[in-house]
Amino acid sequence: MTFPKSIKVGGKTYTIRYPYIFKERTDIGGQACHYTNEIRIADTTSGGEGIKDINIVASFIHEMLHCVDVVYNAGALDEATVERLGEGLLQVLADNNLLNLKQ
């Protein structure tokens, strides 16, 4: 799986840290930090198992939506809304062959 080194959201540039090994928490696969302008995405679970590409992309989309929400919407979306929007975008991208995923 490859990601760009960074993405621009409004006036902010977010560095993509992938693969990221979460030492702070073991219950997440992705995180957006708006203080350091980083998106962190794991490629393995806390138990060392590989995460499937589709789930890695889902985490990236989810964290990217958090960045868009913070920059353009003052962070007003709740976690459930971000999750639903992320899954919806993932479905559209996958159904229209806009993702280059290994099966």
PDB file of N, CA and C in Angstrom:
ATOM      1  N   MET A   1       0.849  -1.169   0.000  1.00  0.00           N
ATOM      2  CA  MET A   1       0.000   0.000   0.000  1.00  0.00           C
ATOM      3  C   MET A   1       0.893   1.229   0.000  1.00  0.00           C
ATOM      4  N   THR A   2       0.573   2.187  -0.831  1.00  0.00           N
ATOM      5  CA  THR A   2       1.342   3.436  -0.865  1.00  0.00           C
ATOM      6  C   THR A   2       0.404   4.621  -0.703  1.00  0.00           C
ATOM      7  N   PHE A   3       0.898   5.631  -0.055  1.00  0.00           N
ATOM      8  CA  PHE A   3       0.180   6.884   0.135  1.00  0.00           C
ATOM      9  C   PHE A   3       1.118   8.016  -0.236  1.00  0.00           C
ATOM     10  N   PRO A   4       0.561   9.187  -0.534  1.00  0.00           N
ATOM     11  CA  PRO A   4       1.439  10.335  -0.751  1.00  0.00           C
ATOM     12  C   PRO A   4       2.153  10.677   0.561  1.00  0.00           C
ATOM     13  N   LYS A   5       3.238  11.405   0.481  1.00  0.00           N
ATOM     14  CA  LYS A   5       3.977  11.797   1.689  1.00  0.00           C
ATOM     15  C   LYS A   5       3.178  12.804   2.516  1.00  0.00           C
ATOM     16  N   SER A   6       2.312  13.566   1.826  1.00  0.00           N
ATOM     17  CA  SER A   6       1.498  14.556   2.526  1.00  0.00           C
ATOM     18  C   SER A   6       0.278  14.897   1.675  1.00  0.00           C
ATOM     19  N   ILE A   7      -0.711  15.499   2.324  1.00  0.00           N
ATOM     20  CA  ILE A   7      -1.882  16.027   1.619  1.00  0.00           C
ATOM     21  C   ILE A   7      -2.166  17.427   2.156  1.00  0.00           C
ATOM     22  N   LYS A   8      -2.714  18.278   1.296  1.00  0.00           N
ATOM     23  CA  LYS A   8      -3.125  19.615   1.699  1.00  0.00           C
ATOM     24  C   LYS A   8      -4.615  19.608   1.959  1.00  0.00           C
ATOM     25  N   VAL A   9      -4.994  20.197   3.073  1.00  0.00           N
ATOM     26  CA  VAL A   9      -6.401  20.393   3.420  1.00  0.00           C
ATOM     27  C   VAL A   9      -6.527  21.860   3.808  1.00  0.00           C
ATOM     28  N   GLY A  10      -7.139  22.637   2.930  1.00  0.00           N
ATOM     29  CA  GLY A  10      -7.187  24.070   3.169  1.00  0.00           C
ATOM     30  C   GLY A  10      -5.776  24.628   3.213  1.00  0.00           C
ATOM     31  N   GLY A  11      -5.470  25.389   4.223  1.00  0.00           N
ATOM     32  CA  GLY A  11      -4.144  25.976   4.367  1.00  0.00           C
ATOM     33  C   GLY A  11      -3.160  25.101   5.116  1.00  0.00           C
ATOM     34  N   LYS A  12      -3.565  23.880   5.480  1.00  0.00           N
ATOM     35  CA  LYS A  12      -2.697  22.996   6.258  1.00  0.00           C
ATOM     36  C   LYS A  12      -2.175  21.851   5.402  1.00  0.00           C
ATOM     37  N   THR A  13      -0.951  21.456   5.662  1.00  0.00           N
ATOM     38  CA  THR A  13      -0.372  20.279   5.028  1.00  0.00           C
ATOM     39  C   THR A  13      -0.222  19.207   6.094  1.00  0.00           C
ATOM     40  N   TYR A  14      -0.842  18.069   5.849  1.00  0.00           N
ATOM     41  CA  TYR A  14      -0.767  16.934   6.768  1.00  0.00           C
ATOM     42  C   TYR A  14       0.237  15.925   6.231  1.00  0.00           C
ATOM     43  N   THR A  15       1.211  15.573   7.055  1.00  0.00           N
ATOM     44  CA  THR A  15       2.183  14.535   6.715  1.00  0.00           C
ATOM     45  C   THR A  15       1.526  13.178   6.947  1.00  0.00           C
ATOM     46  N   ILE A  16       1.711  12.255   6.001  1.00  0.00           N
ATOM     47  CA  ILE A  16       1.174  10.903   6.141  1.00  0.00           C
ATOM     48  C   ILE A  16       2.268  10.018   6.719  1.00  0.00           C
ATOM     49  N   ARG A  17       2.004   9.421   7.856  1.00  0.00           N
ATOM     50  CA  ARG A  17       2.959   8.506   8.482  1.00  0.00           C
ATOM     51  C   ARG A  17       2.400   7.094   8.344  1.00  0.00           C
ATOM     52  N   TYR A  18       2.935   6.385   7.360  1.00  0.00           N
ATOM     53  CA  TYR A  18       2.510   5.014   7.082  1.00  0.00           C
ATOM     54  C   TYR A  18       3.706   4.186   6.660  1.00  0.00           C
ATOM     55  N   PRO A  19       3.909   3.029   7.208  1.00  0.00           N
ATOM     56  CA  PRO A  19       3.116   2.470   8.302  1.00  0.00           C
ATOM     57  C   PRO A  19       3.526   3.091   9.634  1.00  0.00           C
ATOM     58  N   TYR A  20       2.564   3.238  10.492  1.00  0.00           N
ATOM     59  CA  TYR A  20       2.794   3.799  11.820  1.00  0.00           C
ATOM     60  C   TYR A  20       2.518   2.718  12.850  1.00  0.00           C
ATOM     61  N   ILE A  21       3.394   2.580  13.814  1.00  0.00           N
ATOM     62  CA  ILE A  21       3.187   1.619  14.898  1.00  0.00           C
ATOM     63  C   ILE A  21       2.689   2.395  16.110  1.00  0.00           C
ATOM     64  N   PHE A  22       1.446   2.133  16.488  1.00  0.00           N
ATOM     65  CA  PHE A  22       0.846   2.841  17.616  1.00  0.00           C
ATOM     66  C   PHE A  22       1.373   2.285  18.931  1.00  0.00           C
ATOM     67  N   LYS A  23       2.080   3.137  19.654  1.00  0.00           N
ATOM     68  CA  LYS A  23       2.552   2.770  20.990  1.00  0.00           C
ATOM     69  C   LYS A  23       1.649   3.410  22.040  1.00  0.00           C
ATOM     70  N   GLU A  24       1.012   4.516  21.645  1.00  0.00           N
ATOM     71  CA  GLU A  24       0.162   5.267  22.560  1.00  0.00           C
ATOM     72  C   GLU A  24      -1.124   4.498  22.872  1.00  0.00           C
ATOM     73  N   ARG A  25      -1.676   3.861  21.834  1.00  0.00           N
ATOM     74  CA  ARG A  25      -2.933   3.111  21.956  1.00  0.00           C
ATOM     75  C   ARG A  25      -2.830   1.892  21.058  1.00  0.00           C
ATOM     76  N   THR A  26      -3.426   0.805  21.485  1.00  0.00           N
ATOM     77  CA  THR A  26      -3.378  -0.417  20.674  1.00  0.00           C
ATOM     78  C   THR A  26      -4.731  -0.742  20.057  1.00  0.00           C
ATOM     79  N   ASP A  27      -5.723   0.104  20.284  1.00  0.00           N
ATOM     80  CA  ASP A  27      -7.076  -0.188  19.817  1.00  0.00           C
ATOM     81  C   ASP A  27      -7.463   0.605  18.569  1.00  0.00           C
ATOM     82  N   ILE A  28      -6.499   1.230  17.890  1.00  0.00           N
ATOM     83  CA  ILE A  28      -6.819   2.030  16.713  1.00  0.00           C
ATOM     84  C   ILE A  28      -5.910   1.663  15.542  1.00  0.00           C
ATOM     85  N   GLY A  29      -6.395   1.933  14.335  1.00  0.00           N
ATOM     86  CA  GLY A  29      -5.607   1.689  13.135  1.00  0.00           C
ATOM     87  C   GLY A  29      -5.219   2.970  12.434  1.00  0.00           C
ATOM     88  N   GLY A  30      -5.789   4.084  12.893  1.00  0.00           N
ATOM     89  CA  GLY A  30      -5.483   5.368  12.288  1.00  0.00           C
ATOM     90  C   GLY A  30      -5.730   6.494  13.269  1.00  0.00           C
ATOM     91  N   GLN A  31      -5.094   7.623  12.998  1.00  0.00           N
ATOM     92  CA  GLN A  31      -5.244   8.779  13.872  1.00  0.00           C
ATOM     93  C   GLN A  31      -4.854  10.032  13.104  1.00  0.00           C
ATOM     94  N   ALA A  32      -5.632  11.087  13.281  1.00  0.00           N
ATOM     95  CA  ALA A  32      -5.275  12.396  12.735  1.00  0.00           C
ATOM     96  C   ALA A  32      -4.901  13.287  13.911  1.00  0.00           C
ATOM     97  N   CYS A  33      -3.704  13.841  13.880  1.00  0.00           N
ATOM     98  CA  CYS A  33      -3.267  14.765  14.927  1.00  0.00           C
ATOM     99  C   CYS A  33      -3.251  16.169  14.329  1.00  0.00           C
ATOM    100  N   HIS A  34      -4.104  17.025  14.848  1.00  0.00           N
ATOM    101  CA  HIS A  34      -4.251  18.364  14.295  1.00  0.00           C
ATOM    102  C   HIS A  34      -3.272  19.359  14.912  1.00  0.00           C
ATOM    103  N   TYR A  35      -2.487  18.919  15.902  1.00  0.00           N
ATOM    104  CA  TYR A  35      -1.451  19.768  16.483  1.00  0.00           C
ATOM    105  C   TYR A  35      -0.138  19.624  15.716  1.00  0.00           C
ATOM    106  N   THR A  36       0.136  18.396  15.255  1.00  0.00           N
ATOM    107  CA  THR A  36       1.364  18.158  14.499  1.00  0.00           C
ATOM    108  C   THR A  36       1.089  18.042  12.998  1.00  0.00           C
ATOM    109  N   ASN A  37      -0.184  18.119  12.615  1.00  0.00           N
ATOM    110  CA  ASN A  37      -0.610  17.970  11.219  1.00  0.00           C
ATOM    111  C   ASN A  37      -0.092  16.668  10.623  1.00  0.00           C
ATOM    112  N   GLU A  38      -0.446  15.578  11.287  1.00  0.00           N
ATOM    113  CA  GLU A  38      -0.071  14.244  10.828  1.00  0.00           C
ATOM    114  C   GLU A  38      -1.293  13.355  10.728  1.00  0.00           C
ATOM    115  N   ILE A  39      -1.265  12.481   9.726  1.00  0.00           N
ATOM    116  CA  ILE A  39      -2.212  11.372   9.644  1.00  0.00           C
ATOM    117  C   ILE A  39      -1.370  10.118   9.816  1.00  0.00           C
ATOM    118  N   ARG A  40      -1.725   9.323  10.814  1.00  0.00           N
ATOM    119  CA  ARG A  40      -0.969   8.110  11.137  1.00  0.00           C
ATOM    120  C   ARG A  40      -1.840   6.894  10.823  1.00  0.00           C
ATOM    121  N   ILE A  41      -1.286   5.969  10.047  1.00  0.00           N
ATOM    122  CA  ILE A  41      -2.031   4.784   9.622  1.00  0.00           C
ATOM    123  C   ILE A  41      -1.185   3.543   9.883  1.00  0.00           C
ATOM    124  N   ALA A  42      -1.772   2.567  10.575  1.00  0.00           N
ATOM    125  CA  ALA A  42      -1.080   1.312  10.873  1.00  0.00           C
ATOM    126  C   ALA A  42      -1.267   0.317   9.729  1.00  0.00           C
ATOM    127  N   ASP A  43      -0.310  -0.606   9.600  1.00  0.00           N
ATOM    128  CA  ASP A  43      -0.469  -1.704   8.643  1.00  0.00           C
ATOM    129  C   ASP A  43      -0.533  -3.058   9.343  1.00  0.00           C
ATOM    130  N   THR A  44      -0.392  -3.039  10.678  1.00  0.00           N
ATOM    131  CA  THR A  44      -0.526  -4.257  11.467  1.00  0.00           C
ATOM    132  C   THR A  44      -1.350  -3.961  12.714  1.00  0.00           C
ATOM    133  N   THR A  45      -1.985  -5.004  13.234  1.00  0.00           N
ATOM    134  CA  THR A  45      -2.734  -4.869  14.479  1.00  0.00           C
ATOM    135  C   THR A  45      -1.760  -4.848  15.654  1.00  0.00           C
ATOM    136  N   SER A  46      -2.270  -4.561  16.828  1.00  0.00           N
ATOM    137  CA  SER A  46      -1.412  -4.568  18.016  1.00  0.00           C
ATOM    138  C   SER A  46      -0.843  -5.957  18.279  1.00  0.00           C
ATOM    139  N   GLY A  47      -1.496  -7.000  17.741  1.00  0.00           N
ATOM    140  CA  GLY A  47      -0.998  -8.365  17.871  1.00  0.00           C
ATOM    141  C   GLY A  47      -0.029  -8.767  16.779  1.00  0.00           C
ATOM    142  N   GLY A  48       0.268  -7.844  15.856  1.00  0.00           N
ATOM    143  CA  GLY A  48       1.233  -8.116  14.798  1.00  0.00           C
ATOM    144  C   GLY A  48       0.652  -8.700  13.521  1.00  0.00           C
ATOM    145  N   GLU A  49      -0.663  -8.844  13.449  1.00  0.00           N
ATOM    146  CA  GLU A  49      -1.291  -9.361  12.232  1.00  0.00           C
ATOM    147  C   GLU A  49      -1.415  -8.244  11.191  1.00  0.00           C
ATOM    148  N   GLY A  50      -1.222  -8.603   9.912  1.00  0.00           N
ATOM    149  CA  GLY A  50      -1.355  -7.625   8.841  1.00  0.00           C
ATOM    150  C   GLY A  50      -2.791  -7.173   8.663  1.00  0.00           C
ATOM    151  N   ILE A  51      -2.963  -5.887   8.391  1.00  0.00           N
ATOM    152  CA  ILE A  51      -4.291  -5.327   8.128  1.00  0.00           C
ATOM    153  C   ILE A  51      -4.516  -5.350   6.624  1.00  0.00           C
ATOM    154  N   LYS A  52      -5.687  -5.792   6.187  1.00  0.00           N
ATOM    155  CA  LYS A  52      -6.007  -5.854   4.760  1.00  0.00           C
ATOM    156  C   LYS A  52      -6.010  -4.446   4.156  1.00  0.00           C
ATOM    157  N   ASP A  53      -5.573  -4.378   2.888  1.00  0.00           N
ATOM    158  CA  ASP A  53      -5.472  -3.087   2.195  1.00  0.00           C
ATOM    159  C   ASP A  53      -6.771  -2.290   2.246  1.00  0.00           C
ATOM    160  N   ILE A  54      -7.917  -2.939   2.046  1.00  0.00           N
ATOM    161  CA  ILE A  54      -9.194  -2.213   2.040  1.00  0.00           C
ATOM    162  C   ILE A  54      -9.437  -1.532   3.384  1.00  0.00           C
ATOM    163  N   ASN A  55      -9.008  -2.157   4.472  1.00  0.00           N
ATOM    164  CA  ASN A  55      -9.173  -1.565   5.800  1.00  0.00           C
ATOM    165  C   ASN A  55      -8.160  -0.455   6.052  1.00  0.00           C
ATOM    166  N   ILE A  56      -6.989  -0.569   5.462  1.00  0.00           N
ATOM    167  CA  ILE A  56      -5.998   0.510   5.556  1.00  0.00           C
ATOM    168  C   ILE A  56      -6.519   1.743   4.821  1.00  0.00           C
ATOM    169  N   VAL A  57      -7.075   1.535   3.634  1.00  0.00           N
ATOM    170  CA  VAL A  57      -7.649   2.651   2.870  1.00  0.00           C
ATOM    171  C   VAL A  57      -8.830   3.257   3.630  1.00  0.00           C
ATOM    172  N   ALA A  58      -9.658   2.417   4.239  1.00  0.00           N
ATOM    173  CA  ALA A  58     -10.790   2.912   5.032  1.00  0.00           C
ATOM    174  C   ALA A  58     -10.296   3.798   6.175  1.00  0.00           C
ATOM    175  N   SER A  59      -9.218   3.389   6.826  1.00  0.00           N
ATOM    176  CA  SER A  59      -8.653   4.205   7.913  1.00  0.00           C
ATOM    177  C   SER A  59      -8.132   5.537   7.391  1.00  0.00           C
ATOM    178  N   PHE A  60      -7.467   5.505   6.230  1.00  0.00           N
ATOM    179  CA  PHE A  60      -6.949   6.741   5.642  1.00  0.00           C
ATOM    180  C   PHE A  60      -8.094   7.701   5.300  1.00  0.00           C
ATOM    181  N   ILE A  61      -9.130   7.200   4.646  1.00  0.00           N
ATOM    182  CA  ILE A  61     -10.275   8.044   4.294  1.00  0.00           C
ATOM    183  C   ILE A  61     -10.905   8.628   5.554  1.00  0.00           C
ATOM    184  N   HIS A  62     -11.075   7.798   6.566  1.00  0.00           N
ATOM    185  CA  HIS A  62     -11.664   8.236   7.829  1.00  0.00           C
ATOM    186  C   HIS A  62     -10.847   9.379   8.446  1.00  0.00           C
ATOM    187  N   GLU A  63      -9.542   9.203   8.522  1.00  0.00           N
ATOM    188  CA  GLU A  63      -8.694  10.232   9.128  1.00  0.00           C
ATOM    189  C   GLU A  63      -8.639  11.491   8.272  1.00  0.00           C
ATOM    190  N   MET A  64      -8.667  11.325   6.963  1.00  0.00           N
ATOM    191  CA  MET A  64      -8.696  12.469   6.064  1.00  0.00           C
ATOM    192  C   MET A  64      -9.987  13.275   6.282  1.00  0.00           C
ATOM    193  N   LEU A  65     -11.103  12.574   6.485  1.00  0.00           N
ATOM    194  CA  LEU A  65     -12.367  13.264   6.766  1.00  0.00           C
ATOM    195  C   LEU A  65     -12.285  14.059   8.066  1.00  0.00           C
ATOM    196  N   HIS A  66     -11.608  13.521   9.065  1.00  0.00           N
ATOM    197  CA  HIS A  66     -11.417  14.295  10.297  1.00  0.00           C
ATOM    198  C   HIS A  66     -10.667  15.589   9.999  1.00  0.00           C
ATOM    199  N   CYS A  67      -9.662  15.532   9.146  1.00  0.00           N
ATOM    200  CA  CYS A  67      -8.902  16.730   8.782  1.00  0.00           C
ATOM    201  C   CYS A  67      -9.787  17.732   8.056  1.00  0.00           C
ATOM    202  N   VAL A  68     -10.559  17.273   7.095  1.00  0.00           N
ATOM    203  CA  VAL A  68     -11.478  18.153   6.369  1.00  0.00           C
ATOM    204  C   VAL A  68     -12.480  18.775   7.340  1.00  0.00           C
ATOM    205  N   ASP A  69     -12.994  17.966   8.251  1.00  0.00           N
ATOM    206  CA  ASP A  69     -13.958  18.455   9.238  1.00  0.00           C
ATOM    207  C   ASP A  69     -13.340  19.546  10.119  1.00  0.00           C
ATOM    208  N   VAL A  70     -12.122  19.346  10.593  1.00  0.00           N
ATOM    209  CA  VAL A  70     -11.479  20.336  11.461  1.00  0.00           C
ATOM    210  C   VAL A  70     -11.209  21.632  10.696  1.00  0.00           C
ATOM    211  N   VAL A  71     -10.704  21.516   9.479  1.00  0.00           N
ATOM    212  CA  VAL A  71     -10.337  22.708   8.713  1.00  0.00           C
ATOM    213  C   VAL A  71     -11.565  23.478   8.230  1.00  0.00           C
ATOM    214  N   TYR A  72     -12.571  22.778   7.722  1.00  0.00           N
ATOM    215  CA  TYR A  72     -13.701  23.460   7.079  1.00  0.00           C
ATOM    216  C   TYR A  72     -14.980  23.487   7.902  1.00  0.00           C
ATOM    217  N   ASN A  73     -15.046  22.690   8.970  1.00  0.00           N
ATOM    218  CA  ASN A  73     -16.310  22.545   9.674  1.00  0.00           C
ATOM    219  C   ASN A  73     -16.134  22.696  11.192  1.00  0.00           C
ATOM    220  N   ALA A  74     -15.000  23.213  11.613  1.00  0.00           N
ATOM    221  CA  ALA A  74     -14.704  23.464  13.031  1.00  0.00           C
ATOM    222  C   ALA A  74     -14.820  22.204  13.887  1.00  0.00           C
ATOM    223  N   GLY A  75     -14.604  21.035  13.290  1.00  0.00           N
ATOM    224  CA  GLY A  75     -14.644  19.785  14.047  1.00  0.00           C
ATOM    225  C   GLY A  75     -16.022  19.424  14.561  1.00  0.00           C
ATOM    226  N   ALA A  76     -17.072  19.830  13.836  1.00  0.00           N
ATOM    227  CA  ALA A  76     -18.436  19.651  14.315  1.00  0.00           C
ATOM    228  C   ALA A  76     -18.999  18.235  14.122  1.00  0.00           C
ATOM    229  N   LEU A  77     -18.371  17.417  13.262  1.00  0.00           N
ATOM    230  CA  LEU A  77     -18.910  16.074  13.016  1.00  0.00           C
ATOM    231  C   LEU A  77     -18.556  15.129  14.161  1.00  0.00           C
ATOM    232  N   ASP A  78     -19.534  14.322  14.566  1.00  0.00           N
ATOM    233  CA  ASP A  78     -19.231  13.326  15.585  1.00  0.00           C
ATOM    234  C   ASP A  78     -18.589  12.106  14.930  1.00  0.00           C
ATOM    235  N   GLU A  79     -18.016  11.232  15.746  1.00  0.00           N
ATOM    236  CA  GLU A  79     -17.278  10.066  15.250  1.00  0.00           C
ATOM    237  C   GLU A  79     -18.151   9.152  14.392  1.00  0.00           C
ATOM    238  N   ALA A  80     -19.397   8.968  14.780  1.00  0.00           N
ATOM    239  CA  ALA A  80     -20.295   8.095  14.011  1.00  0.00           C
ATOM    240  C   ALA A  80     -20.546   8.654  12.612  1.00  0.00           C
ATOM    241  N   THR A  81     -20.680   9.965  12.500  1.00  0.00           N
ATOM    242  CA  THR A  81     -20.902  10.585  11.189  1.00  0.00           C
ATOM    243  C   THR A  81     -19.662  10.449  10.317  1.00  0.00           C
ATOM    244  N   VAL A  82     -18.487  10.674  10.891  1.00  0.00           N
ATOM    245  CA  VAL A  82     -17.245  10.508  10.137  1.00  0.00           C
ATOM    246  C   VAL A  82     -17.115   9.060   9.664  1.00  0.00           C
ATOM    247  N   GLU A  83     -17.444   8.112  10.520  1.00  0.00           N
ATOM    248  CA  GLU A  83     -17.370   6.692  10.163  1.00  0.00           C
ATOM    249  C   GLU A  83     -18.312   6.367   9.001  1.00  0.00           C
ATOM    250  N   ARG A  84     -19.544   6.863   9.060  1.00  0.00           N
ATOM    251  CA  ARG A  84     -20.517   6.598   7.986  1.00  0.00           C
ATOM    252  C   ARG A  84     -20.082   7.248   6.678  1.00  0.00           C
ATOM    253  N   LEU A  85     -19.631   8.491   6.726  1.00  0.00           N
ATOM    254  CA  LEU A  85     -19.166   9.164   5.508  1.00  0.00           C
ATOM    255  C   LEU A  85     -17.953   8.442   4.921  1.00  0.00           C
ATOM    256  N   GLY A  86     -17.043   8.015   5.771  1.00  0.00           N
ATOM    257  CA  GLY A  86     -15.853   7.299   5.311  1.00  0.00           C
ATOM    258  C   GLY A  86     -16.211   5.994   4.622  1.00  0.00           C
ATOM    259  N   GLU A  87     -17.115   5.232   5.212  1.00  0.00           N
ATOM    260  CA  GLU A  87     -17.537   3.971   4.603  1.00  0.00           C
ATOM    261  C   GLU A  87     -18.269   4.228   3.284  1.00  0.00           C
ATOM    262  N   GLY A  88     -19.044   5.314   3.228  1.00  0.00           N
ATOM    263  CA  GLY A  88     -19.739   5.665   1.987  1.00  0.00           C
ATOM    264  C   GLY A  88     -18.760   6.020   0.879  1.00  0.00           C
ATOM    265  N   LEU A  89     -17.764   6.830   1.197  1.00  0.00           N
ATOM    266  CA  LEU A  89     -16.742   7.184   0.203  1.00  0.00           C
ATOM    267  C   LEU A  89     -15.952   5.950  -0.232  1.00  0.00           C
ATOM    268  N   LEU A  90     -15.608   5.099   0.706  1.00  0.00           N
ATOM    269  CA  LEU A  90     -14.897   3.866   0.375  1.00  0.00           C
ATOM    270  C   LEU A  90     -15.712   3.024  -0.602  1.00  0.00           C
ATOM    271  N   GLN A  91     -16.997   2.898  -0.354  1.00  0.00           N
ATOM    272  CA  GLN A  91     -17.880   2.112  -1.230  1.00  0.00           C
ATOM    273  C   GLN A  91     -17.908   2.686  -2.645  1.00  0.00           C
ATOM    274  N   VAL A  92     -18.054   4.009  -2.755  1.00  0.00           N
ATOM    275  CA  VAL A  92     -18.083   4.650  -4.074  1.00  0.00           C
ATOM    276  C   VAL A  92     -16.767   4.427  -4.806  1.00  0.00           C
ATOM    277  N   LEU A  93     -15.663   4.622  -4.124  1.00  0.00           N
ATOM    278  CA  LEU A  93     -14.350   4.439  -4.752  1.00  0.00           C
ATOM    279  C   LEU A  93     -14.129   2.986  -5.167  1.00  0.00           C
ATOM    280  N   ALA A  94     -14.493   2.053  -4.304  1.00  0.00           N
ATOM    281  CA  ALA A  94     -14.308   0.626  -4.615  1.00  0.00           C
ATOM    282  C   ALA A  94     -15.231   0.182  -5.740  1.00  0.00           C
ATOM    283  N   ASP A  95     -16.499   0.574  -5.690  1.00  0.00           N
ATOM    284  CA  ASP A  95     -17.474   0.142  -6.701  1.00  0.00           C
ATOM    285  C   ASP A  95     -17.168   0.690  -8.083  1.00  0.00           C
ATOM    286  N   ASN A  96     -16.447   1.784  -8.142  1.00  0.00           N
ATOM    287  CA  ASN A  96     -16.118   2.402  -9.424  1.00  0.00           C
ATOM    288  C   ASN A  96     -14.661   2.176  -9.827  1.00  0.00           C
ATOM    289  N   ASN A  97     -14.055   1.182  -9.212  1.00  0.00           N
ATOM    290  CA  ASN A  97     -12.673   0.786  -9.530  1.00  0.00           C
ATOM    291  C   ASN A  97     -11.688   1.956  -9.476  1.00  0.00           C
ATOM    292  N   LEU A  98     -11.851   2.792  -8.458  1.00  0.00           N
ATOM    293  CA  LEU A  98     -10.964   3.945  -8.302  1.00  0.00           C
ATOM    294  C   LEU A  98      -9.866   3.692  -7.265  1.00  0.00           C
ATOM    295  N   LEU A  99      -9.843   2.464  -6.745  1.00  0.00           N
ATOM    296  CA  LEU A  99      -8.803   2.072  -5.798  1.00  0.00           C
ATOM    297  C   LEU A  99      -7.929   1.013  -6.457  1.00  0.00           C
ATOM    298  N   ASN A 100      -6.659   1.089  -6.220  1.00  0.00           N
ATOM    299  CA  ASN A 100      -5.732   0.099  -6.770  1.00  0.00           C
ATOM    300  C   ASN A 100      -5.321  -0.838  -5.639  1.00  0.00           C
ATOM    301  N   LEU A 101      -6.201  -1.789  -5.331  1.00  0.00           N
ATOM    302  CA  LEU A 101      -5.969  -2.687  -4.199  1.00  0.00           C
ATOM    303  C   LEU A 101      -5.599  -4.074  -4.652  1.00  0.00           C
ATOM    304  N   LYS A 102      -4.684  -4.698  -3.895  1.00  0.00           N
ATOM    305  CA  LYS A 102      -4.390  -6.095  -4.118  1.00  0.00           C
ATOM    306  C   LYS A 102      -5.519  -6.904  -3.497  1.00  0.00           C
ATOM    307  N   GLN A 103      -5.972  -7.904  -4.197  1.00  0.00           N
ATOM    308  CA  GLN A 103      -7.067  -8.744  -3.671  1.00  0.00           C
ATOM    309  C   GLN A 103      -6.535  -9.902  -2.889  1.00  0.00           C
TER     310      GLN A 103
END
